[in-house]
Amino acid sequence: MILSEQEIMNAICLNMAERKQVQPTQVQVQLMWDEDLGYSAEVIVEGRNQYLIEGNMKEAVERYMLTEYGRRVFRSEIQFDITEEMICIVPDE
């Protein structure tokens, strides 16, 4: 299964909204990739910036897969890649 860039951002928005106890619409996400640092995301919640590393992003995808698709996946199975946009590869059941 491949999650689009939008679904990755949705996963992060939902995860951060739950953690910060705000509405998902109050969360802004910018996905990033750097040759030295790898995959990351800048998150803005109530005017405060926070940077997530790849492990945090995988945690968000893990929760998103469970809540939205009813599938339990493990972080070690989740991979990010960049084609024309960032995607997330999750193994099929």
N, C-alpha and C. Protein backbone atom coordinates (compact mmCIF):
# COMPACT_ATOMS: atom_id res chain seq x y z
N MET A 1 0.85 -1.18 0.00
CA MET A 1 0.00 0.00 0.00
C MET A 1 0.89 1.23 0.00
N ILE A 2 0.51 2.21 -0.79
CA ILE A 2 1.28 3.45 -0.86
C ILE A 2 0.40 4.60 -0.39
N LEU A 3 0.91 5.35 0.59
CA LEU A 3 0.22 6.54 1.07
C LEU A 3 0.81 7.74 0.34
N SER A 4 -0.06 8.62 -0.11
CA SER A 4 0.37 9.82 -0.81
C SER A 4 0.95 10.84 0.17
N GLU A 5 1.56 11.86 -0.39
CA GLU A 5 2.09 12.94 0.43
C GLU A 5 0.99 13.56 1.29
N GLN A 6 -0.20 13.72 0.71
CA GLN A 6 -1.33 14.29 1.45
C GLN A 6 -1.71 13.41 2.63
N GLU A 7 -1.71 12.09 2.43
CA GLU A 7 -2.05 11.18 3.53
C GLU A 7 -0.99 11.21 4.63
N ILE A 8 0.28 11.37 4.25
CA ILE A 8 1.34 11.50 5.25
C ILE A 8 1.09 12.76 6.09
N MET A 9 0.76 13.86 5.42
CA MET A 9 0.47 15.10 6.14
C MET A 9 -0.77 14.96 7.02
N ASN A 10 -1.79 14.27 6.52
CA ASN A 10 -2.99 14.02 7.33
C ASN A 10 -2.64 13.21 8.58
N ALA A 11 -1.80 12.19 8.42
CA ALA A 11 -1.39 11.35 9.55
C ALA A 11 -0.70 12.19 10.61
N ILE A 12 0.20 13.07 10.17
CA ILE A 12 0.94 13.92 11.11
C ILE A 12 0.00 14.92 11.76
N CYS A 13 -0.91 15.52 10.98
CA CYS A 13 -1.87 16.47 11.54
C CYS A 13 -2.73 15.81 12.62
N LEU A 14 -3.27 14.65 12.33
CA LEU A 14 -4.12 13.95 13.30
C LEU A 14 -3.34 13.58 14.56
N ASN A 15 -2.12 13.09 14.37
CA ASN A 15 -1.29 12.69 15.50
C ASN A 15 -0.93 13.88 16.39
N MET A 16 -0.50 14.98 15.77
CA MET A 16 -0.12 16.16 16.54
C MET A 16 -1.33 16.82 17.19
N ALA A 17 -2.47 16.82 16.50
CA ALA A 17 -3.69 17.40 17.09
C ALA A 17 -4.08 16.63 18.35
N GLU A 18 -3.97 15.31 18.29
CA GLU A 18 -4.29 14.49 19.46
C GLU A 18 -3.31 14.78 20.60
N ARG A 19 -2.03 14.87 20.28
CA ARG A 19 -1.02 15.11 21.31
C ARG A 19 -1.15 16.49 21.95
N LYS A 20 -1.46 17.49 21.13
CA LYS A 20 -1.53 18.88 21.61
C LYS A 20 -2.94 19.29 22.02
N GLN A 21 -3.90 18.38 21.86
CA GLN A 21 -5.30 18.61 22.22
C GLN A 21 -5.87 19.84 21.51
N VAL A 22 -5.69 19.84 20.18
CA VAL A 22 -6.25 20.88 19.32
C VAL A 22 -6.97 20.19 18.16
N GLN A 23 -7.66 20.97 17.36
CA GLN A 23 -8.31 20.43 16.17
C GLN A 23 -7.26 20.21 15.07
N PRO A 24 -7.42 19.16 14.26
CA PRO A 24 -6.45 18.92 13.17
C PRO A 24 -6.30 20.11 12.22
N THR A 25 -7.34 20.91 12.09
CA THR A 25 -7.27 22.09 11.21
C THR A 25 -6.35 23.17 11.77
N GLN A 26 -5.96 23.06 13.04
CA GLN A 26 -5.06 24.02 13.67
C GLN A 26 -3.59 23.61 13.51
N VAL A 27 -3.36 22.51 12.79
CA VAL A 27 -1.99 21.99 12.61
C VAL A 27 -1.58 22.19 11.15
N GLN A 28 -0.39 22.76 10.97
CA GLN A 28 0.18 22.91 9.63
C GLN A 28 1.42 22.03 9.53
N VAL A 29 1.58 21.38 8.38
CA VAL A 29 2.71 20.46 8.20
C VAL A 29 3.43 20.76 6.90
N GLN A 30 4.75 20.78 6.96
CA GLN A 30 5.59 20.89 5.78
C GLN A 30 6.56 19.71 5.79
N LEU A 31 6.46 18.84 4.81
CA LEU A 31 7.35 17.68 4.73
C LEU A 31 8.68 18.10 4.11
N MET A 32 9.76 17.47 4.57
CA MET A 32 11.09 17.83 4.09
C MET A 32 11.95 16.58 3.91
N TRP A 33 12.93 16.72 3.05
CA TRP A 33 13.94 15.68 2.90
C TRP A 33 15.28 16.37 2.69
N ASP A 34 16.28 15.89 3.40
CA ASP A 34 17.62 16.43 3.30
C ASP A 34 18.58 15.26 3.15
N GLU A 35 19.57 15.43 2.28
CA GLU A 35 20.52 14.35 2.02
C GLU A 35 21.24 13.90 3.30
N ASP A 36 21.53 14.83 4.18
CA ASP A 36 22.25 14.49 5.42
C ASP A 36 21.31 14.08 6.55
N LEU A 37 20.15 14.72 6.64
CA LEU A 37 19.24 14.49 7.77
C LEU A 37 18.13 13.49 7.48
N GLY A 38 17.87 13.21 6.21
CA GLY A 38 16.80 12.27 5.86
C GLY A 38 15.44 12.95 5.84
N TYR A 39 14.40 12.17 6.16
CA TYR A 39 13.03 12.65 6.12
C TYR A 39 12.68 13.33 7.44
N SER A 40 11.96 14.45 7.33
CA SER A 40 11.52 15.17 8.52
C SER A 40 10.30 16.01 8.15
N ALA A 41 9.73 16.63 9.16
CA ALA A 41 8.57 17.49 8.94
C ALA A 41 8.62 18.66 9.91
N GLU A 42 8.23 19.82 9.41
CA GLU A 42 8.06 20.98 10.26
C GLU A 42 6.57 21.09 10.56
N VAL A 43 6.24 21.17 11.83
CA VAL A 43 4.85 21.24 12.26
C VAL A 43 4.64 22.54 13.01
N ILE A 44 3.56 23.24 12.67
CA ILE A 44 3.21 24.47 13.38
C ILE A 44 1.85 24.27 14.04
N VAL A 45 1.84 24.40 15.37
CA VAL A 45 0.62 24.26 16.15
C VAL A 45 0.52 25.50 17.04
N GLU A 46 -0.56 26.24 16.88
CA GLU A 46 -0.80 27.44 17.67
C GLU A 46 0.41 28.38 17.65
N GLY A 47 0.99 28.56 16.47
CA GLY A 47 2.10 29.49 16.31
C GLY A 47 3.45 28.97 16.75
N ARG A 48 3.52 27.75 17.23
CA ARG A 48 4.80 27.19 17.68
C ARG A 48 5.30 26.16 16.69
N ASN A 49 6.57 26.27 16.33
CA ASN A 49 7.19 25.34 15.39
C ASN A 49 7.79 24.16 16.13
N GLN A 50 7.67 23.01 15.50
CA GLN A 50 8.28 21.79 16.04
C GLN A 50 8.76 20.98 14.85
N TYR A 51 9.90 20.36 14.98
CA TYR A 51 10.44 19.53 13.90
C TYR A 51 10.34 18.06 14.30
N LEU A 52 9.82 17.26 13.39
CA LEU A 52 9.70 15.83 13.63
C LEU A 52 10.75 15.09 12.80
N ILE A 53 11.38 14.12 13.41
CA ILE A 53 12.32 13.29 12.69
C ILE A 53 11.55 12.11 12.09
N GLU A 54 12.23 11.31 11.30
CA GLU A 54 11.59 10.20 10.60
C GLU A 54 10.87 9.26 11.55
N GLY A 55 11.44 8.99 12.70
CA GLY A 55 10.80 8.10 13.68
C GLY A 55 9.44 8.62 14.14
N ASN A 56 9.35 9.94 14.37
CA ASN A 56 8.08 10.56 14.75
C ASN A 56 7.06 10.46 13.62
N MET A 57 7.53 10.63 12.39
CA MET A 57 6.65 10.54 11.24
C MET A 57 6.11 9.11 11.10
N LYS A 58 6.97 8.14 11.33
CA LYS A 58 6.54 6.74 11.25
C LYS A 58 5.51 6.43 12.34
N GLU A 59 5.69 7.00 13.53
CA GLU A 59 4.72 6.82 14.60
C GLU A 59 3.35 7.36 14.17
N ALA A 60 3.34 8.52 13.53
CA ALA A 60 2.09 9.12 13.06
C ALA A 60 1.43 8.23 12.01
N VAL A 61 2.21 7.69 11.09
CA VAL A 61 1.67 6.81 10.05
C VAL A 61 1.14 5.52 10.67
N GLU A 62 1.87 5.01 11.66
CA GLU A 62 1.45 3.79 12.36
C GLU A 62 0.05 3.99 12.98
N ARG A 63 -0.16 5.09 13.65
CA ARG A 63 -1.47 5.39 14.27
C ARG A 63 -2.54 5.64 13.22
N TYR A 64 -2.16 6.34 12.15
CA TYR A 64 -3.08 6.64 11.05
C TYR A 64 -3.58 5.34 10.40
N MET A 65 -2.68 4.41 10.17
CA MET A 65 -3.06 3.14 9.55
C MET A 65 -4.06 2.39 10.45
N LEU A 66 -3.86 2.45 11.75
CA LEU A 66 -4.76 1.76 12.68
C LEU A 66 -6.12 2.45 12.73
N THR A 67 -6.14 3.77 12.85
CA THR A 67 -7.42 4.48 13.00
C THR A 67 -8.20 4.60 11.69
N GLU A 68 -7.51 4.82 10.58
CA GLU A 68 -8.19 5.06 9.30
C GLU A 68 -8.43 3.79 8.50
N TYR A 69 -7.54 2.82 8.63
CA TYR A 69 -7.65 1.60 7.82
C TYR A 69 -7.84 0.33 8.65
N GLY A 70 -7.77 0.46 9.98
CA GLY A 70 -7.94 -0.71 10.84
C GLY A 70 -6.82 -1.73 10.70
N ARG A 71 -5.65 -1.25 10.31
CA ARG A 71 -4.49 -2.14 10.11
C ARG A 71 -3.38 -1.81 11.09
N ARG A 72 -2.88 -2.83 11.74
CA ARG A 72 -1.74 -2.64 12.64
C ARG A 72 -0.46 -2.91 11.85
N VAL A 73 0.37 -1.87 11.76
CA VAL A 73 1.67 -2.01 11.11
C VAL A 73 2.73 -1.55 12.11
N PHE A 74 3.93 -1.98 11.89
CA PHE A 74 5.03 -1.62 12.78
C PHE A 74 5.95 -0.63 12.09
N ARG A 75 6.55 0.23 12.88
CA ARG A 75 7.42 1.27 12.33
C ARG A 75 8.52 0.70 11.45
N SER A 76 9.02 -0.46 11.83
CA SER A 76 10.09 -1.08 11.04
C SER A 76 9.64 -1.46 9.64
N GLU A 77 8.33 -1.56 9.42
CA GLU A 77 7.79 -1.93 8.11
C GLU A 77 7.49 -0.71 7.23
N ILE A 78 7.49 0.47 7.83
CA ILE A 78 7.12 1.69 7.12
C ILE A 78 8.35 2.31 6.48
N GLN A 79 8.23 2.66 5.20
CA GLN A 79 9.34 3.29 4.48
C GLN A 79 8.85 4.55 3.76
N PHE A 80 9.67 5.57 3.78
CA PHE A 80 9.39 6.77 3.02
C PHE A 80 10.24 6.76 1.76
N ASP A 81 9.74 7.39 0.72
CA ASP A 81 10.48 7.49 -0.53
C ASP A 81 10.03 8.77 -1.22
N ILE A 82 10.84 9.22 -2.16
CA ILE A 82 10.47 10.40 -2.93
C ILE A 82 10.48 10.03 -4.40
N THR A 83 9.35 10.21 -5.03
CA THR A 83 9.25 10.09 -6.49
C THR A 83 9.07 11.53 -6.97
N GLU A 84 7.90 11.86 -7.45
CA GLU A 84 7.61 13.27 -7.74
C GLU A 84 7.18 13.99 -6.47
N GLU A 85 6.70 13.23 -5.50
CA GLU A 85 6.34 13.74 -4.19
C GLU A 85 6.75 12.70 -3.16
N MET A 86 6.70 13.07 -1.89
CA MET A 86 7.03 12.11 -0.85
C MET A 86 5.89 11.10 -0.74
N ILE A 87 6.23 9.83 -0.64
CA ILE A 87 5.25 8.77 -0.44
C ILE A 87 5.68 7.92 0.74
N CYS A 88 4.73 7.13 1.22
CA CYS A 88 5.00 6.21 2.31
C CYS A 88 4.60 4.82 1.85
N ILE A 89 5.49 3.88 1.97
CA ILE A 89 5.24 2.51 1.55
C ILE A 89 4.97 1.68 2.79
N VAL A 90 3.78 1.07 2.81
CA VAL A 90 3.37 0.20 3.91
C VAL A 90 3.07 -1.17 3.29
N PRO A 91 3.65 -2.23 3.85
CA PRO A 91 3.41 -3.55 3.23
C PRO A 91 1.94 -3.95 3.28
N ASP A 92 1.49 -4.65 2.26
CA ASP A 92 0.12 -5.17 2.24
C ASP A 92 0.00 -6.25 3.28
N GLU A 93 -1.24 -6.50 3.68
CA GLU A 93 -1.49 -7.49 4.73
C GLU A 93 -1.04 -8.86 4.33
